[in-house]
């Protein structure tokens, strides 16, 4: 009789997949103008103070990053 956990095979598989994914690194390089950088920082500050329109503005910028990540990971 084995002392292994009944789900040991599944657990080992999931740990192997996690280890493989952790070893895959994506480097995302982008250029941003000083104007746009300052605008994003202002949006951040406004969003942190509760401005919902600023939150939407930031989400629009984050969507651009997500689109690039989706391309890179082929989702």
PDB file of N, CA and C in Angstrom:
ATOM      1  N   UNK A   1       0.840  -1.182   0.000  1.00  0.00           N
ATOM      2  CA  UNK A   1       0.000   0.000   0.000  1.00  0.00           C
ATOM      3  C   UNK A   1       0.887   1.247   0.000  1.00  0.00           C
ATOM      4  N   UNK A   2       0.529   2.218  -0.812  1.00  0.00           N
ATOM      5  CA  UNK A   2       1.342   3.419  -0.981  1.00  0.00           C
ATOM      6  C   UNK A   2       0.915   4.507   0.012  1.00  0.00           C
ATOM      7  N   UNK A   3       1.900   5.255   0.491  1.00  0.00           N
ATOM      8  CA  UNK A   3       1.617   6.373   1.393  1.00  0.00           C
ATOM      9  C   UNK A   3       1.378   7.672   0.631  1.00  0.00           C
ATOM     10  N   UNK A   4       1.408   7.609  -0.712  1.00  0.00           N
ATOM     11  CA  UNK A   4       1.219   8.809  -1.522  1.00  0.00           C
ATOM     12  C   UNK A   4      -0.198   9.354  -1.373  1.00  0.00           C
ATOM     13  N   UNK A   5      -0.292  10.651  -1.491  1.00  0.00           N
ATOM     14  CA  UNK A   5      -1.593  11.315  -1.505  1.00  0.00           C
ATOM     15  C   UNK A   5      -2.358  10.809  -2.727  1.00  0.00           C
ATOM     16  N   UNK A   6      -3.676  10.622  -2.629  1.00  0.00           N
ATOM     17  CA  UNK A   6      -4.439  10.099  -3.773  1.00  0.00           C
ATOM     18  C   UNK A   6      -4.349  10.978  -5.020  1.00  0.00           C
ATOM     19  N   UNK A   7      -4.092  12.255  -4.832  1.00  0.00           N
ATOM     20  CA  UNK A   7      -4.004  13.172  -5.979  1.00  0.00           C
ATOM     21  C   UNK A   7      -2.562  13.536  -6.302  1.00  0.00           C
ATOM     22  N   UNK A   8      -1.602  12.721  -5.859  1.00  0.00           N
ATOM     23  CA  UNK A   8      -0.184  13.058  -6.023  1.00  0.00           C
ATOM     24  C   UNK A   8       0.187  13.280  -7.489  1.00  0.00           C
ATOM     25  N   UNK A   9      -0.313  12.447  -8.384  1.00  0.00           N
ATOM     26  CA  UNK A   9       0.026  12.601  -9.803  1.00  0.00           C
ATOM     27  C   UNK A   9      -0.443  13.958 -10.326  1.00  0.00           C
ATOM     28  N   UNK A  10      -1.661  14.337  -9.977  1.00  0.00           N
ATOM     29  CA  UNK A  10      -2.197  15.636 -10.400  1.00  0.00           C
ATOM     30  C   UNK A  10      -1.406  16.780  -9.773  1.00  0.00           C
ATOM     31  N   UNK A  11      -1.073  16.661  -8.506  1.00  0.00           N
ATOM     32  CA  UNK A  11      -0.287  17.695  -7.832  1.00  0.00           C
ATOM     33  C   UNK A  11       1.084  17.858  -8.471  1.00  0.00           C
ATOM     34  N   UNK A  12       1.745  16.756  -8.776  1.00  0.00           N
ATOM     35  CA  UNK A  12       3.054  16.819  -9.422  1.00  0.00           C
ATOM     36  C   UNK A  12       2.946  17.469 -10.796  1.00  0.00           C
ATOM     37  N   UNK A  13       1.908  17.128 -11.547  1.00  0.00           N
ATOM     38  CA  UNK A  13       1.698  17.718 -12.863  1.00  0.00           C
ATOM     39  C   UNK A  13       1.534  19.236 -12.741  1.00  0.00           C
ATOM     40  N   UNK A  14       0.699  19.674 -11.816  1.00  0.00           N
ATOM     41  CA  UNK A  14       0.453  21.113 -11.640  1.00  0.00           C
ATOM     42  C   UNK A  14       1.714  21.849 -11.181  1.00  0.00           C
ATOM     43  N   UNK A  15       2.489  21.235 -10.313  1.00  0.00           N
ATOM     44  CA  UNK A  15       3.743  21.844  -9.874  1.00  0.00           C
ATOM     45  C   UNK A  15       4.736  21.944 -11.026  1.00  0.00           C
ATOM     46  N   UNK A  16       4.804  20.913 -11.850  1.00  0.00           N
ATOM     47  CA  UNK A  16       5.684  20.951 -13.026  1.00  0.00           C
ATOM     48  C   UNK A  16       5.275  22.056 -13.985  1.00  0.00           C
ATOM     49  N   UNK A  17       3.964  22.206 -14.214  1.00  0.00           N
ATOM     50  CA  UNK A  17       3.473  23.258 -15.112  1.00  0.00           C
ATOM     51  C   UNK A  17       3.793  24.638 -14.551  1.00  0.00           C
ATOM     52  N   UNK A  18       3.612  24.811 -13.246  1.00  0.00           N
ATOM     53  CA  UNK A  18       3.909  26.097 -12.610  1.00  0.00           C
ATOM     54  C   UNK A  18       5.389  26.418 -12.727  1.00  0.00           C
ATOM     55  N   UNK A  19       6.242  25.423 -12.507  1.00  0.00           N
ATOM     56  CA  UNK A  19       7.690  25.638 -12.601  1.00  0.00           C
ATOM     57  C   UNK A  19       8.082  26.020 -14.021  1.00  0.00           C
ATOM     58  N   UNK A  20       7.471  25.371 -15.004  1.00  0.00           N
ATOM     59  CA  UNK A  20       7.775  25.685 -16.403  1.00  0.00           C
ATOM     60  C   UNK A  20       7.349  27.111 -16.740  1.00  0.00           C
ATOM     61  N   UNK A  21       6.161  27.494 -16.293  1.00  0.00           N
ATOM     62  CA  UNK A  21       5.670  28.841 -16.587  1.00  0.00           C
ATOM     63  C   UNK A  21       6.474  29.902 -15.861  1.00  0.00           C
ATOM     64  N   UNK A  22       6.981  29.585 -14.681  1.00  0.00           N
ATOM     65  CA  UNK A  22       7.787  30.557 -13.943  1.00  0.00           C
ATOM     66  C   UNK A  22       9.151  30.753 -14.603  1.00  0.00           C
ATOM     67  N   UNK A  23       9.588  29.785 -15.375  1.00  0.00           N
ATOM     68  CA  UNK A  23      10.891  29.911 -16.031  1.00  0.00           C
ATOM     69  C   UNK A  23      10.783  30.641 -17.367  1.00  0.00           C
ATOM     70  N   UNK A  24       9.563  30.876 -17.846  1.00  0.00           N
ATOM     71  CA  UNK A  24       9.357  31.622 -19.085  1.00  0.00           C
ATOM     72  C   UNK A  24       9.242  33.094 -18.737  1.00  0.00           C
ATOM     73  N   UNK A  25      10.124  33.909 -19.309  1.00  0.00           N
ATOM     74  CA  UNK A  25      10.179  35.333 -18.992  1.00  0.00           C
ATOM     75  C   UNK A  25       9.821  36.142 -20.243  1.00  0.00           C
ATOM     76  N   UNK A  26       9.000  37.147 -20.063  1.00  0.00           N
ATOM     77  CA  UNK A  26       8.662  38.077 -21.143  1.00  0.00           C
ATOM     78  C   UNK A  26       9.258  39.434 -20.803  1.00  0.00           C
ATOM     79  N   UNK A  27       9.935  39.990 -21.755  1.00  0.00           N
ATOM     80  CA  UNK A  27      10.457  41.339 -21.575  1.00  0.00           C
ATOM     81  C   UNK A  27       9.652  42.256 -22.485  1.00  0.00           C
ATOM     82  N   UNK A  28       8.982  43.201 -21.891  1.00  0.00           N
ATOM     83  CA  UNK A  28       8.164  44.135 -22.645  1.00  0.00           C
ATOM     84  C   UNK A  28       8.852  45.490 -22.582  1.00  0.00           C
ATOM     85  N   UNK A  29       9.226  45.988 -23.741  1.00  0.00           N
ATOM     86  CA  UNK A  29       9.909  47.275 -23.830  1.00  0.00           C
ATOM     87  C   UNK A  29       8.991  48.219 -24.598  1.00  0.00           C
ATOM     88  N   UNK A  30       8.823  49.408 -24.080  1.00  0.00           N
ATOM     89  CA  UNK A  30       7.987  50.369 -24.778  1.00  0.00           C
ATOM     90  C   UNK A  30       8.591  51.751 -24.657  1.00  0.00           C
ATOM     91  N   UNK A  31       8.164  52.606 -25.563  1.00  0.00           N
ATOM     92  CA  UNK A  31       8.576  54.002 -25.524  1.00  0.00           C
ATOM     93  C   UNK A  31       7.351  54.834 -25.197  1.00  0.00           C
ATOM     94  N   UNK A  32       7.556  55.871 -24.425  1.00  0.00           N
ATOM     95  CA  UNK A  32       6.468  56.775 -24.067  1.00  0.00           C
ATOM     96  C   UNK A  32       7.047  58.189 -24.010  1.00  0.00           C
ATOM     97  N   UNK A  33       6.298  59.125 -24.548  1.00  0.00           N
ATOM     98  CA  UNK A  33       6.773  60.507 -24.525  1.00  0.00           C
ATOM     99  C   UNK A  33       6.686  61.051 -23.101  1.00  0.00           C
ATOM    100  N   UNK A  34       7.438  62.098 -22.857  1.00  0.00           N
ATOM    101  CA  UNK A  34       7.381  62.737 -21.543  1.00  0.00           C
ATOM    102  C   UNK A  34       5.960  63.216 -21.269  1.00  0.00           C
ATOM    103  N   UNK A  35       5.307  63.750 -22.291  1.00  0.00           N
ATOM    104  CA  UNK A  35       3.933  64.237 -22.131  1.00  0.00           C
ATOM    105  C   UNK A  35       3.009  63.103 -21.674  1.00  0.00           C
ATOM    106  N   UNK A  36       3.064  61.970 -22.397  1.00  0.00           N
ATOM    107  CA  UNK A  36       2.202  60.840 -22.049  1.00  0.00           C
ATOM    108  C   UNK A  36       2.549  60.257 -20.686  1.00  0.00           C
ATOM    109  N   UNK A  37       3.829  60.232 -20.345  1.00  0.00           N
ATOM    110  CA  UNK A  37       4.241  59.726 -19.034  1.00  0.00           C
ATOM    111  C   UNK A  37       3.666  60.608 -17.928  1.00  0.00           C
ATOM    112  N   UNK A  38       3.769  61.911 -18.096  1.00  0.00           N
ATOM    113  CA  UNK A  38       3.232  62.830 -17.094  1.00  0.00           C
ATOM    114  C   UNK A  38       1.710  62.711 -17.011  1.00  0.00           C
ATOM    115  N   UNK A  39       1.066  62.518 -18.169  1.00  0.00           N
ATOM    116  CA  UNK A  39      -0.385  62.342 -18.193  1.00  0.00           C
ATOM    117  C   UNK A  39      -0.781  61.081 -17.415  1.00  0.00           C
ATOM    118  N   UNK A  40      -0.052  59.986 -17.625  1.00  0.00           N
ATOM    119  CA  UNK A  40      -0.358  58.749 -16.901  1.00  0.00           C
ATOM    120  C   UNK A  40      -0.134  58.912 -15.407  1.00  0.00           C
ATOM    121  N   UNK A  41       0.925  59.615 -15.028  1.00  0.00           N
ATOM    122  CA  UNK A  41       1.177  59.853 -13.602  1.00  0.00           C
ATOM    123  C   UNK A  41       0.063  60.695 -12.988  1.00  0.00           C
ATOM    124  N   UNK A  42      -0.400  61.687 -13.747  1.00  0.00           N
ATOM    125  CA  UNK A  42      -1.514  62.505 -13.258  1.00  0.00           C
ATOM    126  C   UNK A  42      -2.790  61.666 -13.139  1.00  0.00           C
ATOM    127  N   UNK A  43      -3.041  60.804 -14.131  1.00  0.00           N
ATOM    128  CA  UNK A  43      -4.192  59.914 -14.068  1.00  0.00           C
ATOM    129  C   UNK A  43      -4.110  59.024 -12.830  1.00  0.00           C
ATOM    130  N   UNK A  44      -2.915  58.503 -12.576  1.00  0.00           N
ATOM    131  CA  UNK A  44      -2.714  57.645 -11.406  1.00  0.00           C
ATOM    132  C   UNK A  44      -3.063  58.399 -10.115  1.00  0.00           C
ATOM    133  N   UNK A  45      -2.494  59.596  -9.993  1.00  0.00           N
ATOM    134  CA  UNK A  45      -2.756  60.392  -8.788  1.00  0.00           C
ATOM    135  C   UNK A  45      -4.249  60.674  -8.626  1.00  0.00           C
ATOM    136  N   UNK A  46      -4.901  61.044  -9.735  1.00  0.00           N
ATOM    137  CA  UNK A  46      -6.338  61.337  -9.677  1.00  0.00           C
ATOM    138  C   UNK A  46      -7.140  60.079  -9.326  1.00  0.00           C
ATOM    139  N   UNK A  47      -6.760  58.938  -9.904  1.00  0.00           N
ATOM    140  CA  UNK A  47      -7.457  57.687  -9.620  1.00  0.00           C
ATOM    141  C   UNK A  47      -7.302  57.299  -8.154  1.00  0.00           C
ATOM    142  N   UNK A  48      -6.123  57.533  -7.599  1.00  0.00           N
ATOM    143  CA  UNK A  48      -5.886  57.203  -6.196  1.00  0.00           C
ATOM    144  C   UNK A  48      -6.717  58.090  -5.262  1.00  0.00           C
ATOM    145  N   UNK A  49      -7.127  59.234  -5.780  1.00  0.00           N
ATOM    146  CA  UNK A  49      -7.981  60.131  -4.993  1.00  0.00           C
ATOM    147  C   UNK A  49      -9.465  59.863  -5.250  1.00  0.00           C
ATOM    148  N   UNK A  50      -9.759  58.831  -6.055  1.00  0.00           N
ATOM    149  CA  UNK A  50     -11.155  58.436  -6.258  1.00  0.00           C
ATOM    150  C   UNK A  50     -11.804  58.917  -7.536  1.00  0.00           C
ATOM    151  N   UNK A  51     -11.057  59.536  -8.432  1.00  0.00           N
ATOM    152  CA  UNK A  51     -11.622  60.021  -9.698  1.00  0.00           C
ATOM    153  C   UNK A  51     -11.877  58.829 -10.620  1.00  0.00           C
ATOM    154  N   UNK A  52     -13.158  58.498 -10.835  1.00  0.00           N
ATOM    155  CA  UNK A  52     -13.487  57.316 -11.637  1.00  0.00           C
ATOM    156  C   UNK A  52     -13.118  57.485 -13.111  1.00  0.00           C
ATOM    157  N   UNK A  53     -13.183  58.702 -13.624  1.00  0.00           N
ATOM    158  CA  UNK A  53     -12.781  58.910 -15.021  1.00  0.00           C
ATOM    159  C   UNK A  53     -11.296  58.630 -15.196  1.00  0.00           C
ATOM    160  N   UNK A  54     -10.493  58.969 -14.203  1.00  0.00           N
ATOM    161  CA  UNK A  54      -9.061  58.681 -14.252  1.00  0.00           C
ATOM    162  C   UNK A  54      -8.826  57.174 -14.230  1.00  0.00           C
ATOM    163  N   UNK A  55      -9.639  56.451 -13.457  1.00  0.00           N
ATOM    164  CA  UNK A  55      -9.528  54.987 -13.419  1.00  0.00           C
ATOM    165  C   UNK A  55      -9.787  54.425 -14.813  1.00  0.00           C
ATOM    166  N   UNK A  56     -10.822  54.904 -15.479  1.00  0.00           N
ATOM    167  CA  UNK A  56     -11.108  54.446 -16.840  1.00  0.00           C
ATOM    168  C   UNK A  56      -9.964  54.778 -17.790  1.00  0.00           C
ATOM    169  N   UNK A  57      -9.370  55.954 -17.617  1.00  0.00           N
ATOM    170  CA  UNK A  57      -8.230  56.333 -18.452  1.00  0.00           C
ATOM    171  C   UNK A  57      -7.051  55.374 -18.259  1.00  0.00           C
ATOM    172  N   UNK A  58      -6.784  55.033 -17.003  1.00  0.00           N
ATOM    173  CA  UNK A  58      -5.702  54.078 -16.718  1.00  0.00           C
ATOM    174  C   UNK A  58      -6.014  52.705 -17.283  1.00  0.00           C
ATOM    175  N   UNK A  59      -7.267  52.283 -17.173  1.00  0.00           N
ATOM    176  CA  UNK A  59      -7.653  50.981 -17.719  1.00  0.00           C
ATOM    177  C   UNK A  59      -7.444  50.941 -19.232  1.00  0.00           C
ATOM    178  N   UNK A  60      -7.674  52.043 -19.890  1.00  0.00           N
ATOM    179  CA  UNK A  60      -7.426  52.114 -21.330  1.00  0.00           C
ATOM    180  C   UNK A  60      -5.953  51.919 -21.651  1.00  0.00           C
ATOM    181  N   UNK A  61      -5.095  52.504 -20.829  1.00  0.00           N
ATOM    182  CA  UNK A  61      -3.657  52.348 -21.037  1.00  0.00           C
ATOM    183  C   UNK A  61      -3.206  50.920 -20.695  1.00  0.00           C
ATOM    184  N   UNK A  62      -3.764  50.353 -19.637  1.00  0.00           N
ATOM    185  CA  UNK A  62      -3.415  48.978 -19.252  1.00  0.00           C
ATOM    186  C   UNK A  62      -3.872  48.001 -20.328  1.00  0.00           C
ATOM    187  N   UNK A  63      -5.006  48.285 -20.979  1.00  0.00           N
ATOM    188  CA  UNK A  63      -5.493  47.424 -22.060  1.00  0.00           C
ATOM    189  C   UNK A  63      -4.453  47.288 -23.162  1.00  0.00           C
ATOM    190  N   UNK A  64      -3.727  48.362 -23.441  1.00  0.00           N
ATOM    191  CA  UNK A  64      -2.681  48.304 -24.460  1.00  0.00           C
ATOM    192  C   UNK A  64      -1.611  47.286 -24.072  1.00  0.00           C
ATOM    193  N   UNK A  65      -1.224  47.299 -22.808  1.00  0.00           N
ATOM    194  CA  UNK A  65      -0.238  46.338 -22.309  1.00  0.00           C
ATOM    195  C   UNK A  65      -0.791  44.915 -22.368  1.00  0.00           C
ATOM    196  N   UNK A  66      -2.030  44.749 -21.962  1.00  0.00           N
ATOM    197  CA  UNK A  66      -2.657  43.424 -21.992  1.00  0.00           C
ATOM    198  C   UNK A  66      -2.711  42.894 -23.419  1.00  0.00           C
ATOM    199  N   UNK A  67      -3.009  43.745 -24.376  1.00  0.00           N
ATOM    200  CA  UNK A  67      -3.043  43.320 -25.784  1.00  0.00           C
ATOM    201  C   UNK A  67      -1.678  42.794 -26.223  1.00  0.00           C
ATOM    202  N   UNK A  68      -0.611  43.471 -25.816  1.00  0.00           N
ATOM    203  CA  UNK A  68       0.741  43.024 -26.158  1.00  0.00           C
ATOM    204  C   UNK A  68       1.030  41.680 -25.482  1.00  0.00           C
ATOM    205  N   UNK A  69       0.673  41.538 -24.213  1.00  0.00           N
ATOM    206  CA  UNK A  69       0.898  40.280 -23.500  1.00  0.00           C
ATOM    207  C   UNK A  69       0.113  39.138 -24.131  1.00  0.00           C
ATOM    208  N   UNK A  70      -1.115  39.400 -24.561  1.00  0.00           N
ATOM    209  CA  UNK A  70      -1.893  38.360 -25.229  1.00  0.00           C
ATOM    210  C   UNK A  70      -1.209  37.911 -26.505  1.00  0.00           C
ATOM    211  N   UNK A  71      -0.690  38.855 -27.269  1.00  0.00           N
ATOM    212  CA  UNK A  71       0.056  38.519 -28.480  1.00  0.00           C
ATOM    213  C   UNK A  71       1.264  37.653 -28.176  1.00  0.00           C
ATOM    214  N   UNK A  72       2.014  38.049 -27.163  1.00  0.00           N
ATOM    215  CA  UNK A  72       3.230  37.330 -26.804  1.00  0.00           C
ATOM    216  C   UNK A  72       2.965  35.922 -26.279  1.00  0.00           C
ATOM    217  N   UNK A  73       1.874  35.772 -25.539  1.00  0.00           N
ATOM    218  CA  UNK A  73       1.572  34.466 -24.963  1.00  0.00           C
ATOM    219  C   UNK A  73       0.654  33.646 -25.850  1.00  0.00           C
ATOM    220  N   UNK A  74       0.241  34.222 -27.000  1.00  0.00           N
ATOM    221  CA  UNK A  74      -0.614  33.552 -27.986  1.00  0.00           C
ATOM    222  C   UNK A  74      -1.890  33.018 -27.371  1.00  0.00           C
ATOM    223  N   UNK A  75      -2.559  33.864 -26.594  1.00  0.00           N
ATOM    224  CA  UNK A  75      -3.838  33.458 -25.971  1.00  0.00           C
ATOM    225  C   UNK A  75      -4.966  33.660 -26.942  1.00  0.00           C
TER     226      UNK A  75
END
